[in-house]
Protein backbone atom coordinates (compact mmCIF):
# COMPACT_ATOMS: atom_id res chain seq x y z
CA MET A 1 0.00 0.00 0.00
CA THR A 2 1.17 3.51 -0.80
CA GLY A 3 2.81 5.23 2.15
CA ARG A 4 3.43 2.05 4.11
CA ARG A 5 6.99 0.90 4.78
CA THR A 6 7.67 -2.83 4.72
CA VAL A 7 9.36 -4.52 7.65
CA ALA A 8 10.69 -8.05 7.11
CA VAL A 9 10.11 -10.18 10.21
CA VAL A 10 12.68 -12.97 9.82
CA THR A 11 12.35 -15.92 12.17
CA PRO A 12 13.33 -19.59 11.96
CA TYR A 13 10.01 -20.64 13.53
CA TYR A 14 6.51 -19.34 12.87
CA PRO A 15 2.94 -20.62 13.36
CA PRO A 16 1.42 -23.09 12.95
CA LYS A 17 4.47 -24.36 14.85
CA ALA A 18 3.80 -23.47 18.49
CA GLY A 19 6.24 -21.91 20.91
CA GLY A 20 7.25 -18.66 22.56
CA VAL A 21 9.37 -17.38 19.66
CA GLU A 22 6.61 -18.21 17.18
CA ARG A 23 3.97 -16.34 19.19
CA TYR A 24 6.25 -13.34 19.68
CA ALA A 25 7.10 -13.05 15.96
CA ALA A 26 3.47 -13.59 14.97
CA ARG A 27 2.35 -10.83 17.31
CA VAL A 28 4.91 -8.42 15.82
CA ALA A 29 3.66 -9.28 12.33
CA ALA A 30 0.01 -8.80 13.35
CA GLU A 31 0.74 -5.41 14.93
CA LEU A 32 2.59 -4.29 11.80
CA ALA A 33 -0.33 -5.43 9.63
CA ALA A 34 -2.72 -3.34 11.74
CA ALA A 35 -0.53 -0.23 11.62
CA PRO A 36 -1.42 2.48 9.06
CA ASP A 37 2.19 3.24 8.17
CA LEU A 38 3.98 -0.12 8.38
CA GLU A 39 3.49 -3.43 6.61
CA PRO A 40 4.94 -6.87 7.48
CA VAL A 41 6.39 -9.62 5.41
CA VAL A 42 7.43 -12.74 7.30
CA ILE A 43 10.40 -14.77 6.08
CA THR A 44 10.67 -18.10 7.86
CA THR A 45 11.37 -21.78 7.20
CA ALA A 46 9.22 -24.55 5.79
CA SER A 47 8.36 -27.43 8.07
CA ARG A 48 9.62 -29.84 5.43
CA GLY A 49 11.03 -29.90 1.92
CA LEU A 50 13.31 -27.59 -0.05
CA ARG A 51 10.68 -25.64 -1.96
CA THR A 52 10.07 -21.95 -1.20
CA THR A 53 6.43 -20.91 -0.79
CA ASP A 54 4.95 -17.40 -0.93
CA THR A 55 1.50 -17.25 0.65
CA VAL A 56 -0.83 -15.07 2.69
CA GLU A 57 -1.67 -16.35 6.17
CA ASP A 58 -4.10 -14.46 8.42
CA GLY A 59 -3.64 -11.38 6.28
CA VAL A 60 0.18 -11.46 6.43
CA ARG A 61 2.49 -12.34 3.57
CA VAL A 62 4.60 -15.33 4.65
CA ILE A 63 7.59 -16.61 2.67
CA ARG A 64 8.84 -20.02 3.77
CA LEU A 65 12.33 -21.09 2.73
CA GLY A 66 13.33 -24.72 2.48
CA ALA A 67 15.87 -26.12 4.96
CA TRP A 68 18.51 -28.57 3.83
CA LEU A 69 19.07 -30.02 7.29
CA ARG A 70 18.25 -29.59 10.96
CA VAL A 71 20.93 -29.68 13.62
CA SER A 72 19.54 -30.03 17.13
CA ASN A 73 16.18 -28.63 15.97
CA THR A 74 17.91 -25.71 14.18
CA PRO A 75 16.97 -25.45 10.48
CA LEU A 76 19.87 -24.61 8.16
CA SER A 77 20.51 -24.10 4.45
CA PRO A 78 23.54 -22.87 2.47
CA LEU A 79 21.15 -21.09 0.09
CA TRP A 80 19.77 -18.67 2.66
CA PRO A 81 22.27 -15.82 2.14
CA VAL A 82 21.28 -15.58 -1.53
CA GLN A 83 17.59 -16.23 -0.88
CA LEU A 84 17.35 -13.64 1.88
CA ARG A 85 18.95 -10.93 -0.23
CA ARG A 86 16.60 -11.74 -3.11
CA TRP A 87 13.44 -11.72 -1.00
CA LEU A 88 14.37 -8.55 0.88
CA HIS A 89 14.77 -6.88 -2.51
CA ARG A 90 11.59 -8.34 -4.00
CA THR A 91 9.44 -7.35 -1.03
CA GLY A 92 10.81 -3.82 -0.89
CA ALA A 93 11.68 -4.16 2.79
CA VAL A 94 13.23 -1.05 4.34
CA ALA A 95 13.90 -2.75 7.68
CA VAL A 96 14.71 -6.22 9.00
CA ASN A 97 13.55 -7.54 12.36
CA GLY A 98 15.45 -10.78 12.95
CA HIS A 99 14.35 -13.16 15.69
CA ALA A 100 17.15 -15.41 16.90
CA PRO A 101 16.53 -18.07 19.50
CA VAL A 102 19.23 -20.18 17.85
CA PRO A 103 21.98 -19.57 15.25
CA GLY A 104 20.57 -19.31 11.76
CA LEU A 105 17.98 -17.40 9.79
CA GLY A 106 17.28 -14.43 12.08
CA ASP A 107 20.86 -13.35 12.67
CA LEU A 108 21.84 -14.11 9.08
CA ALA A 109 19.14 -11.70 7.91
CA VAL A 110 20.79 -8.92 9.94
CA VAL A 111 24.16 -9.69 8.31
CA VAL A 112 22.83 -9.56 4.72
CA ALA A 113 20.45 -6.63 5.24
CA GLY A 114 22.75 -4.15 3.50
CA ARG A 115 21.68 -0.54 4.18
CA ARG A 116 18.31 -1.51 5.62
CA ALA A 117 17.54 -0.71 9.23
CA THR A 118 18.04 -3.77 11.43
CA VAL A 119 16.62 -4.88 14.77
CA LEU A 120 17.78 -8.19 16.24
CA THR A 121 15.47 -9.68 18.86
CA TYR A 122 17.42 -12.27 20.84
CA HIS A 123 15.23 -14.75 22.68
CA ALA A 124 17.70 -17.03 24.45
CA GLY A 125 20.26 -17.13 27.15
CA SER A 126 23.13 -19.49 26.48
CA MET A 127 21.93 -22.39 24.37
CA HIS A 128 24.37 -24.81 25.99
CA LYS A 129 22.36 -27.97 26.45
CA GLY A 130 24.48 -29.70 29.07
CA GLU A 131 22.77 -32.98 28.25
CA PRO A 132 24.34 -36.42 27.70
CA GLY A 133 25.52 -36.68 24.13
CA SER A 134 25.46 -32.92 23.51
CA ALA A 135 29.20 -32.25 23.93
CA LEU A 136 29.82 -31.56 20.22
CA ALA A 137 26.75 -29.36 19.90
CA ASP A 138 27.76 -27.45 23.02
CA ARG A 139 31.25 -26.80 21.62
CA LEU A 140 29.78 -25.46 18.39
CA ILE A 141 27.29 -23.31 20.30
CA ALA A 142 30.06 -21.97 22.55
CA GLY A 143 32.09 -20.94 19.49
CA TYR A 144 29.09 -19.24 17.93
CA GLU A 145 28.14 -17.37 21.11
CA ARG A 146 31.73 -16.30 21.83
CA HIS A 147 32.93 -15.31 18.36
CA LEU A 148 30.11 -14.86 15.83
CA LEU A 149 27.10 -13.63 17.78
CA PRO A 150 28.86 -10.52 19.17
CA ARG A 151 29.67 -9.45 15.61
CA VAL A 152 26.05 -9.88 14.53
CA MET A 153 24.89 -7.85 17.52
CA ARG A 154 27.29 -5.04 16.70
CA ARG A 155 26.00 -5.07 13.12
CA ALA A 156 22.38 -4.53 14.23
CA ASP A 157 21.14 -0.95 14.59
CA ARG A 158 19.19 -1.95 17.69
CA LEU A 159 18.83 -5.03 19.86
CA VAL A 160 15.79 -6.28 21.73
CA ALA A 161 16.39 -8.49 24.77
CA VAL A 162 13.37 -10.47 25.93
CA SER A 163 14.75 -10.96 29.46
CA PRO A 164 17.73 -10.12 31.67
CA VAL A 165 19.49 -13.35 30.64
CA SER A 166 19.05 -12.82 26.90
CA LEU A 167 22.50 -12.61 25.37
CA ALA A 168 21.46 -9.20 24.03
CA ALA A 169 20.86 -7.83 27.53
CA GLY A 170 23.36 -5.25 28.74
CA GLN A 171 24.44 -4.19 25.25
CA PRO A 172 24.50 -0.38 24.90
CA HIS A 173 22.03 -0.38 22.00
CA ALA A 174 19.64 -2.92 23.53
CA GLU A 175 16.08 -2.39 24.74
CA ARG A 176 14.19 -4.90 26.83
CA ILE A 177 10.75 -5.87 25.50
CA THR A 178 9.49 -9.09 27.04
CA PRO A 179 7.07 -11.54 25.49
CA GLY A 180 3.47 -10.74 26.28
CA VAL A 181 0.06 -12.20 26.90
CA ASP A 182 -3.25 -11.81 25.09
CA LEU A 183 -5.24 -10.76 28.16
CA ALA A 184 -8.51 -11.14 26.25
CA LEU A 185 -7.75 -14.83 25.60
CA PHE A 186 -5.92 -15.82 28.77
CA THR A 187 -8.57 -14.87 31.32
CA PRO A 188 -9.02 -15.99 34.95
CA GLY A 189 -10.70 -19.28 35.72
CA PRO A 190 -12.38 -20.23 39.01
CA PRO A 191 -10.38 -19.89 42.24
CA PRO A 192 -7.50 -22.39 42.15
CA SER A 193 -8.63 -23.89 45.46
CA SER A 194 -11.84 -25.06 43.74
CA ARG A 195 -10.12 -26.74 40.80
CA GLY A 196 -9.28 -30.40 40.43
CA ARG A 197 -5.75 -31.63 41.13
CA THR A 198 -4.40 -31.19 37.62
CA VAL A 199 -0.76 -30.20 37.09
CA LEU A 200 -0.12 -28.74 33.63
CA TYR A 201 3.01 -28.48 31.51
CA ALA A 202 2.56 -26.51 28.27
CA GLY A 203 5.37 -26.26 25.74
CA ARG A 204 7.74 -28.18 23.51
CA LEU A 205 8.21 -31.90 24.00
CA ASP A 206 11.22 -32.30 21.70
CA ARG A 207 14.25 -34.47 22.41
CA THR A 208 16.42 -31.52 21.41
CA SER A 209 14.71 -29.49 24.15
CA ALA A 210 15.51 -31.89 26.98
CA TRP A 211 16.64 -28.84 28.97
CA LYS A 212 12.92 -28.11 29.49
CA GLY A 213 13.12 -30.69 32.28
CA VAL A 214 9.81 -32.43 31.61
CA ASP A 215 11.31 -35.71 32.81
CA VAL A 216 11.91 -34.08 36.22
CA LEU A 217 8.23 -33.25 36.43
CA VAL A 218 7.19 -36.78 35.46
CA ARG A 219 9.52 -38.20 38.14
CA ALA A 220 7.94 -35.89 40.71
CA LEU A 221 4.42 -37.13 39.99
CA PRO A 222 4.56 -40.26 42.25
CA GLU A 223 5.35 -37.96 45.20
CA LEU A 224 2.32 -35.73 44.63
CA PRO A 225 -0.99 -36.19 46.50
CA ASP A 226 -3.31 -39.01 45.48
CA GLY A 227 -5.57 -38.09 42.61
CA THR A 228 -3.13 -35.66 41.03
CA ARG A 229 -3.07 -35.78 37.23
CA LEU A 230 -0.35 -34.48 34.92
CA VAL A 231 -1.26 -33.05 31.51
CA LEU A 232 1.52 -32.52 28.95
CA ALA A 233 0.21 -30.02 26.40
CA GLY A 234 2.48 -29.75 23.39
CA GLY A 235 3.91 -31.63 20.47
CA GLY A 236 7.27 -33.21 19.85
CA ASP A 237 9.20 -36.44 19.46
CA ALA A 238 9.89 -36.76 23.20
CA ALA A 239 6.24 -37.24 24.23
CA ALA A 240 6.38 -41.02 23.86
CA GLY A 241 9.49 -41.18 26.03
CA HIS A 242 7.81 -39.21 28.81
CA LEU A 243 4.79 -41.51 28.69
CA ALA A 244 7.12 -44.54 28.82
CA LEU A 245 8.84 -43.05 31.88
CA ALA A 246 5.45 -42.63 33.55
CA GLN A 247 4.73 -46.28 32.78
CA ARG A 248 7.97 -47.37 34.45
CA LEU A 249 7.15 -45.25 37.50
CA GLY A 250 3.69 -46.79 37.79
CA VAL A 251 1.78 -43.55 37.13
CA ALA A 252 0.88 -43.95 33.45
CA ASP A 253 -2.83 -43.76 34.29
CA ARG A 254 -2.27 -40.29 35.76
CA VAL A 255 -0.52 -38.75 32.73
CA ALA A 256 -2.08 -37.47 29.50
CA ALA A 257 -0.30 -36.04 26.46
CA THR A 258 -2.54 -33.83 24.30
CA GLY A 259 -0.28 -33.15 21.33
CA GLU A 260 -0.12 -29.69 19.71
CA LEU A 261 -3.08 -27.49 20.63
CA PRO A 262 -4.32 -24.08 19.44
CA ALA A 263 -3.90 -21.18 21.85
CA ALA A 264 -7.59 -21.13 22.85
CA GLU A 265 -7.42 -24.76 24.02
CA VAL A 266 -4.19 -24.13 25.92
CA ALA A 267 -5.87 -21.18 27.65
CA ALA A 268 -8.82 -23.41 28.60
CA LEU A 269 -6.45 -25.99 30.10
CA MET A 270 -4.69 -23.25 32.07
CA ARG A 271 -7.98 -21.94 33.48
CA GLY A 272 -8.86 -25.40 34.77
CA ALA A 273 -5.45 -26.51 36.09
CA ALA A 274 -4.52 -26.36 39.76
CA LEU A 275 -1.05 -25.18 38.77
CA LEU A 276 1.33 -24.90 35.83
CA VAL A 277 4.94 -26.05 36.09
CA LEU A 278 7.96 -25.01 34.03
CA PRO A 279 10.84 -27.25 35.24
CA SER A 280 13.60 -26.02 32.89
CA ARG A 281 17.21 -26.85 33.72
CA THR A 282 19.35 -24.25 31.91
CA GLU A 283 19.57 -20.59 30.95
CA ALA A 284 18.26 -21.50 27.52
CA GLU A 285 14.91 -20.71 29.20
CA SER A 286 15.33 -16.97 28.95
CA PHE A 287 11.73 -16.03 29.81
CA GLY A 288 9.00 -18.69 29.90
CA MET A 289 5.96 -17.20 28.16
CA VAL A 290 3.67 -19.96 29.46
CA LEU A 291 4.27 -18.69 32.99
CA ALA A 292 2.89 -15.26 32.16
CA GLU A 293 -0.04 -16.85 30.30
CA ALA A 294 -0.91 -19.13 33.22
CA MET A 295 -0.61 -16.22 35.65
CA ALA A 296 -3.07 -14.28 33.47
CA CYS A 297 -5.49 -17.18 33.99
CA GLY A 298 -5.13 -16.83 37.76
CA THR A 299 -3.32 -20.17 37.84
CA PRO A 300 -0.50 -20.69 40.36
CA VAL A 301 2.89 -21.35 38.79
CA VAL A 302 5.98 -23.27 39.88
CA GLY A 303 9.24 -22.82 38.01
CA SER A 304 12.94 -23.52 38.24
CA ALA A 305 15.23 -20.82 39.62
CA VAL A 306 17.21 -20.66 36.40
CA GLY A 307 17.46 -18.45 33.32
CA GLY A 308 14.80 -15.76 33.09
CA ILE A 309 12.20 -17.62 35.16
CA PRO A 310 13.03 -15.80 38.43
CA ASP A 311 12.36 -12.52 36.65
CA VAL A 312 8.82 -13.68 35.81
CA ILE A 313 8.01 -15.37 39.14
CA GLU A 314 8.36 -13.39 42.34
CA ASP A 315 9.06 -16.30 44.68
CA GLY A 316 6.38 -16.75 47.32
CA VAL A 317 4.30 -13.89 45.90
CA SER A 318 3.24 -14.73 42.34
CA GLY A 319 4.53 -18.31 42.29
CA LEU A 320 7.13 -20.65 43.71
CA LEU A 321 10.73 -21.27 42.61
CA VAL A 322 12.70 -24.49 43.07
CA PRO A 323 16.29 -25.51 42.24
CA PRO A 324 16.55 -26.78 38.64
CA GLY A 325 16.60 -30.55 38.29
CA ASP A 326 15.59 -31.17 41.94
CA THR A 327 12.73 -33.68 41.82
CA ARG A 328 12.05 -33.63 45.55
CA ALA A 329 11.98 -29.84 45.77
CA LEU A 330 9.65 -29.69 42.78
CA ALA A 331 7.32 -32.27 44.30
CA ALA A 332 7.30 -30.41 47.62
CA ALA A 333 6.44 -27.08 45.98
CA CYS A 334 3.65 -28.62 43.90
CA THR A 335 2.27 -30.37 46.99
CA ARG A 336 2.16 -27.06 48.87
CA VAL A 337 0.00 -25.51 46.18
CA LEU A 338 -2.21 -28.59 45.78
CA THR A 339 -2.93 -28.93 49.51
CA ASP A 340 -3.08 -25.30 50.69
CA GLY A 341 -6.10 -23.64 49.10
CA ALA A 342 -5.41 -20.23 50.64
CA LEU A 343 -1.87 -20.24 49.24
CA ALA A 344 -3.09 -21.33 45.81
CA ASP A 345 -5.69 -18.56 45.68
CA ARG A 346 -3.20 -15.94 46.85
CA LEU A 347 -0.60 -16.97 44.25
CA GLY A 348 -3.23 -17.05 41.52
CA ALA A 349 -4.55 -13.56 42.29
CA ALA A 350 -1.04 -12.08 42.55
CA GLY A 351 -0.05 -13.74 39.28
CA ARG A 352 -3.04 -12.26 37.44
CA GLU A 353 -2.21 -8.79 38.77
CA ARG A 354 1.44 -9.14 37.73
CA SER A 355 0.55 -10.39 34.26
CA GLU A 356 -1.88 -7.50 33.70
CA ARG A 357 0.64 -4.95 34.94
CA LEU A 358 3.74 -6.17 33.10
CA TYR A 359 2.89 -8.50 30.24
CA GLY A 360 -0.11 -7.22 28.27
CA TRP A 361 0.75 -7.35 24.57
CA ASP A 362 -0.79 -3.97 23.77
CA GLY A 363 1.67 -1.93 25.81
CA LEU A 364 4.66 -4.05 24.81
CA MET A 365 3.88 -3.86 21.09
CA ALA A 366 3.33 -0.09 21.25
CA ARG A 367 6.97 0.15 22.37
CA TYR A 368 8.05 -2.28 19.65
CA LEU A 369 6.37 -0.35 16.86
CA SER A 370 7.79 2.90 18.21
CA LEU A 371 11.27 1.38 17.95
CA LEU A 372 10.69 0.23 14.36
CA ARG A 373 9.24 3.60 13.36
CA SER A 374 12.25 5.41 14.78
CA LEU A 375 14.50 3.43 12.43
CA THR A 376 12.34 3.52 9.30
CA VAL A 377 10.98 7.07 9.31
CA ASP A 378 13.57 8.35 6.81
CA ARG A 379 13.65 5.22 4.64
CA PRO A 380 12.22 5.36 1.11
CA GLU A 381 8.80 3.90 0.41
CA PRO A 382 9.09 0.22 -0.63
CA ARG A 383 8.06 -1.06 -3.99
CA PRO A 384 5.09 -3.43 -3.76
CA GLY A 385 6.04 -7.08 -3.99
CA ARG A 386 4.30 -9.97 -5.68
CA VAL A 387 1.84 -11.79 -3.43
CA SER A 388 0.99 -15.36 -4.33
CA SER A 389 -2.62 -16.31 -4.79
CA ARG A 390 -1.97 -19.50 -2.83
CA THR A 391 -3.15 -19.12 0.76
CA ARG A 392 -3.10 -21.32 3.82
């Protein structure tokens, strides 16, 4: 449209794949689409295959590049430098907003952006996995974080850190804009003390995301009060392994895995759960969006004292923190919430207040768009790009 400046939102992951980075990037794209002076184009990766697609999804142009391989859940392709330059030119983008939870597409877009304005949003703390069999991957990640990532960050006009442990935090040209919550979707349920004893985990269930610590939560289940159920909401190739672990522990009848769910169904599960648990083990968990979403539902939360989680949960006020990887401590904290109705209600109410005050998307995205406008105001108007008639 005439007068609108195109911003390329470049992210390795995008809906329908579910996760914190995907929701953050999708929200940025939606806000740009609603703005009178800015227009988004999303450049992301295809879930499978090498073919590039150019479609319109929910009113946003989405270009999906093929990936030649995936290393520890990170899509990669040697063609991306050429493809990114070509698509930035074709779409008339005057700015690039790269989202980088892992090495790859988002930071590469900043490098090849040329004279375009660039904003790099860095979602992760250190991506060291620290898991058995990850030594080689950890060495590669260490080299990237020590030698390459600082150069990319210096190249960007501005950085956005999503939490204090984001590797962008503390840089002189960084601004902190956390993930947010759709407060119209994630609304309070009944008082937690009146809910059934359901413990909820919502998030990835991938083998490459073993640092999420879901196995710790499954191991804690036998120590929780009788009648407690565990619901694992999310997709991934590790789900079967968690169910097998529950079988070995004798609690298979108390565990359910839902698979990938749309946001509305996740919100419904949160409103009905007695508590939500995020048992991550490493600083790769730089924020924990599901915590803020559960808090918005008035649901008590328990999380590991690692990464950005302590910045979201005020221990003893809006939730409880436990040492990462400590099954007994996790079980004890969950039991406190499940058996003390007054505590559960107090945590739930404080969590809702905190989520409303700090994590509403509207206020966060107003700051984001202000940042993008400040960098694009003097850029020339983009030429309109070709939009495919194929839609999803």
